[in-house]
N, C-alpha and C. Protein backbone atom coordinates (compact mmCIF):
# COMPACT_ATOMS: atom_id res chain seq x y z
N UNK A 1 89.82 108.74 98.19
CA UNK A 1 89.37 108.48 99.51
C UNK A 1 90.23 108.86 100.50
N UNK A 2 91.36 109.31 100.43
CA UNK A 2 92.02 110.71 102.12
C UNK A 2 91.85 111.91 101.25
N UNK A 3 90.76 112.43 100.30
CA UNK A 3 90.69 113.84 100.53
C UNK A 3 91.47 114.16 99.10
N UNK A 4 91.98 116.09 99.61
CA UNK A 4 93.49 116.25 98.55
C UNK A 4 94.33 115.38 98.05
N UNK A 5 94.79 115.04 97.17
CA UNK A 5 96.07 114.16 96.97
C UNK A 5 97.29 115.23 96.60
N UNK A 6 96.91 116.49 96.53
CA UNK A 6 97.84 117.42 95.78
C UNK A 6 99.16 117.60 97.11
N UNK A 7 98.92 117.33 98.36
CA UNK A 7 100.02 117.53 99.09
C UNK A 7 100.75 115.80 99.04
N UNK A 8 100.29 114.80 98.38
CA UNK A 8 101.12 113.67 98.91
C UNK A 8 102.32 113.70 98.04
N UNK A 9 103.27 112.90 99.37
CA UNK A 9 105.07 113.33 99.05
C UNK A 9 105.55 111.83 98.88
N UNK A 10 105.78 111.19 98.51
CA UNK A 10 106.50 110.04 98.76
C UNK A 10 108.01 110.22 98.82
N UNK A 11 108.54 110.94 98.57
CA UNK A 11 109.69 111.06 98.22
C UNK A 11 110.52 111.69 99.72
N UNK A 12 109.67 113.23 100.11
CA UNK A 12 109.58 113.97 101.24
C UNK A 12 109.67 112.69 102.22
N UNK A 13 108.46 111.68 102.04
CA UNK A 13 108.37 111.10 103.65
C UNK A 13 109.45 110.38 103.54
N UNK A 14 110.06 109.46 102.74
CA UNK A 14 111.38 108.81 102.25
C UNK A 14 112.72 109.52 102.96
N UNK A 15 112.22 110.66 102.70
CA UNK A 15 113.73 111.75 103.32
C UNK A 15 113.14 112.29 104.62
N UNK A 16 112.27 112.37 105.26
CA UNK A 16 111.97 112.31 106.27
C UNK A 16 112.30 110.97 107.35
N UNK A 17 112.07 110.27 106.75
CA UNK A 17 112.41 108.32 107.66
C UNK A 17 114.14 108.30 107.43
N UNK A 18 114.29 108.95 106.58
CA UNK A 18 115.87 108.40 106.76
C UNK A 18 116.46 109.89 107.35
N UNK A 19 115.93 110.79 107.64
CA UNK A 19 116.64 111.99 108.23
C UNK A 19 116.54 111.56 110.10
N UNK A 20 115.03 111.19 109.87
CA UNK A 20 114.80 110.59 111.62
C UNK A 20 115.77 109.80 111.97
N UNK A 21 115.88 108.74 111.25
CA UNK A 21 116.66 107.54 111.87
C UNK A 21 117.78 108.13 111.78
N UNK A 22 118.44 108.55 111.14
CA UNK A 22 119.82 109.19 111.51
C UNK A 22 120.16 109.92 113.00
N UNK A 23 118.92 110.06 113.58
CA UNK A 23 118.81 110.60 114.62
C UNK A 23 118.67 109.77 115.78
N UNK A 24 117.89 108.60 115.18
CA UNK A 24 117.80 107.72 115.86
C UNK A 24 116.11 107.37 116.36
N UNK A 25 115.53 108.19 115.29
CA UNK A 25 114.10 108.77 115.72
C UNK A 25 113.47 107.60 114.47
N UNK A 26 112.41 107.14 115.45
CA UNK A 26 111.44 106.16 114.44
C UNK A 26 110.50 107.19 114.57
N UNK A 27 108.99 106.70 113.15
CA UNK A 27 107.95 107.63 112.92
C UNK A 27 107.56 106.12 114.43
N UNK A 28 107.59 105.58 114.51
CA UNK A 28 106.72 105.21 115.88
C UNK A 28 107.19 105.71 117.39
N UNK A 29 108.60 106.54 117.39
CA UNK A 29 108.79 107.09 118.40
C UNK A 29 107.94 108.56 118.54
N UNK A 30 107.31 109.22 117.23
CA UNK A 30 106.81 110.34 116.73
C UNK A 30 105.19 109.73 117.52
N UNK A 31 104.69 108.79 116.95
CA UNK A 31 103.37 108.02 117.71
C UNK A 31 103.18 108.18 118.57
N UNK A 32 104.13 107.43 119.72
CA UNK A 32 104.44 107.54 120.93
C UNK A 32 104.18 108.99 122.28
N UNK A 33 105.07 109.72 120.95
CA UNK A 33 105.33 111.29 121.71
C UNK A 33 103.78 111.78 121.13
N UNK A 34 103.32 112.02 120.32
CA UNK A 34 102.08 112.54 120.32
C UNK A 34 100.81 111.80 120.54
N UNK A 35 101.31 110.46 121.41
CA UNK A 35 99.97 109.40 121.83
C UNK A 35 98.89 109.89 120.50
N UNK A 36 99.36 109.47 119.15
CA UNK A 36 98.46 109.16 118.24
C UNK A 36 99.03 107.98 117.34
N UNK A 37 98.17 107.04 116.42
CA UNK A 37 98.38 105.93 116.05
C UNK A 37 99.72 105.94 114.97
N UNK A 38 100.29 104.82 114.93
CA UNK A 38 101.39 105.27 114.21
C UNK A 38 100.83 105.10 112.50
N UNK A 39 100.03 104.67 112.04
CA UNK A 39 99.41 104.63 111.22
C UNK A 39 99.26 106.15 110.68
N UNK A 40 98.48 107.13 111.80
CA UNK A 40 98.61 108.01 111.50
C UNK A 40 99.80 109.14 111.26
N UNK A 41 100.70 108.57 111.97
CA UNK A 41 101.92 109.22 111.72
C UNK A 41 102.49 108.58 109.97
N UNK A 42 102.40 107.89 109.56
CA UNK A 42 102.96 107.46 108.48
C UNK A 42 102.04 108.74 107.12
N UNK A 43 101.03 108.34 107.60
CA UNK A 43 99.70 108.79 106.33
C UNK A 43 99.83 109.99 106.45
N UNK A 44 100.64 111.00 107.75
CA UNK A 44 100.86 112.40 107.92
C UNK A 44 101.62 112.47 107.37
N UNK A 45 103.08 111.77 107.09
CA UNK A 45 104.43 111.88 106.61
C UNK A 45 103.93 112.48 105.01
N UNK A 46 103.59 111.05 104.41
CA UNK A 46 103.25 110.76 103.26
C UNK A 46 102.50 112.01 102.70
N UNK A 47 101.64 112.64 103.11
CA UNK A 47 100.61 113.51 102.62
C UNK A 47 99.68 113.14 102.54
N UNK A 48 98.61 111.75 102.97
CA UNK A 48 97.91 111.74 102.90
C UNK A 48 96.77 112.21 104.06
N UNK A 49 97.11 112.53 104.90
CA UNK A 49 96.30 113.32 106.31
C UNK A 49 96.96 114.66 106.98
N UNK A 50 96.77 115.08 107.18
CA UNK A 50 97.17 116.00 108.17
C UNK A 50 97.09 115.98 109.64
N UNK A 51 97.89 116.52 110.32
CA UNK A 51 97.73 116.36 111.72
C UNK A 51 99.08 117.51 112.38
N UNK A 52 98.41 118.52 112.40
CA UNK A 52 99.64 119.55 112.76
C UNK A 52 100.59 119.15 114.38
N UNK A 53 99.56 118.65 115.27
CA UNK A 53 100.74 118.11 116.24
C UNK A 53 101.89 117.04 115.37
N UNK A 54 101.47 115.84 114.60
CA UNK A 54 102.63 115.20 114.47
C UNK A 54 103.38 115.78 112.97
N UNK A 55 102.93 117.01 112.25
CA UNK A 55 103.89 117.84 111.56
C UNK A 55 104.82 118.31 112.43
N UNK A 56 104.07 119.00 113.59
CA UNK A 56 105.31 120.19 113.86
C UNK A 56 106.35 118.96 115.30
N UNK A 57 105.79 117.68 115.42
CA UNK A 57 106.70 117.05 116.28
C UNK A 57 107.97 116.90 115.18
N UNK A 58 107.28 116.21 114.07
CA UNK A 58 108.30 115.60 112.85
C UNK A 58 109.80 116.84 112.71
N UNK A 59 109.10 117.82 112.49
CA UNK A 59 109.73 119.39 111.81
C UNK A 59 110.57 119.89 113.34
N UNK A 60 110.04 119.24 114.68
CA UNK A 60 111.20 119.92 115.80
C UNK A 60 112.16 119.14 115.77
N UNK A 61 111.81 117.63 115.60
CA UNK A 61 113.01 116.79 115.99
C UNK A 61 113.78 116.65 114.16
N UNK A 62 113.43 117.69 113.21
CA UNK A 62 114.56 117.48 112.11
C UNK A 62 115.24 118.88 112.22
N UNK A 63 114.78 120.03 113.35
CA UNK A 63 115.55 121.26 113.54
C UNK A 63 114.68 121.83 111.88
N UNK A 64 113.53 121.89 112.08
CA UNK A 64 112.86 122.54 110.71
C UNK A 64 111.92 123.10 111.01
N UNK A 65 111.41 124.39 110.34
CA UNK A 65 110.22 125.22 110.62
C UNK A 65 109.26 124.10 109.70
N UNK A 66 107.84 124.25 110.42
CA UNK A 66 106.88 122.98 110.00
C UNK A 66 106.49 123.68 108.57
N UNK A 67 106.54 124.88 108.52
CA UNK A 67 106.09 125.62 107.38
C UNK A 67 107.45 125.70 106.01
N UNK A 68 108.89 124.99 106.11
CA UNK A 68 109.53 124.84 105.65
C UNK A 68 109.89 123.02 105.25
N UNK A 69 109.28 122.65 106.13
CA UNK A 69 108.72 120.61 105.69
C UNK A 69 107.69 120.32 104.72
N UNK A 70 106.50 121.19 104.91
CA UNK A 70 105.16 120.67 104.60
C UNK A 70 104.62 122.30 103.71
N UNK A 71 105.42 122.74 102.56
CA UNK A 71 104.97 124.10 102.36
C UNK A 71 103.76 124.41 102.06
N UNK A 72 103.48 123.16 100.89
CA UNK A 72 102.00 122.92 100.51
C UNK A 72 101.00 122.79 101.61
N UNK A 73 100.74 122.95 102.51
CA UNK A 73 100.65 123.24 103.87
C UNK A 73 99.78 124.07 104.46
N UNK A 74 101.20 124.85 104.47
CA UNK A 74 101.10 126.15 105.47
C UNK A 74 102.11 127.25 105.17
N UNK A 75 102.28 126.88 103.23
CA UNK A 75 103.33 128.20 103.15
C UNK A 75 104.01 128.84 103.39
N UNK A 76 104.66 129.73 103.08
CA UNK A 76 105.92 130.63 103.29
C UNK A 76 105.30 131.50 104.93
N UNK A 77 106.30 131.12 105.50
CA UNK A 77 106.41 131.69 106.83
C UNK A 77 106.13 133.55 107.18
N UNK A 78 105.81 133.88 107.91
CA UNK A 78 105.75 135.39 108.04
C UNK A 78 107.26 135.83 107.63
N UNK A 79 108.60 135.46 108.46
CA UNK A 79 109.45 135.89 108.38
C UNK A 79 110.07 135.91 106.67
N UNK A 80 109.60 134.61 106.21
CA UNK A 80 110.44 134.35 104.98
C UNK A 80 109.32 135.49 104.01
N UNK A 81 108.28 136.27 104.18
CA UNK A 81 107.52 137.35 103.03
C UNK A 81 108.57 138.64 103.41
N UNK A 82 109.28 139.19 103.92
CA UNK A 82 109.72 140.12 104.45
C UNK A 82 109.23 141.18 103.86
N UNK A 83 109.73 141.64 103.11
CA UNK A 83 109.04 143.55 102.56
C UNK A 83 107.86 143.40 101.81
N UNK A 84 107.52 142.33 101.38
CA UNK A 84 106.51 142.45 100.49
C UNK A 84 104.96 142.61 101.52
N UNK A 85 104.27 143.80 100.60
CA UNK A 85 103.06 144.28 100.93
C UNK A 85 101.69 144.00 101.50
């Protein structure tokens, strides 16, 4: 129904919601900030859909890099690769 299901992570979604809530931010706020539908924000956080703009907004509010928050979507960051050939 939603394509690739390997990145679905409802535990991470709950963690994202909890951490945002601790900062006084709701997924609805992310939707308003990005001008996206609230359902798309939820589906992106759960891993059912991808939206780089939403992923970046969530990561920014959590003071975290998008590749560390969604590693299966972005892989390791260039800085984390270090001296690898």
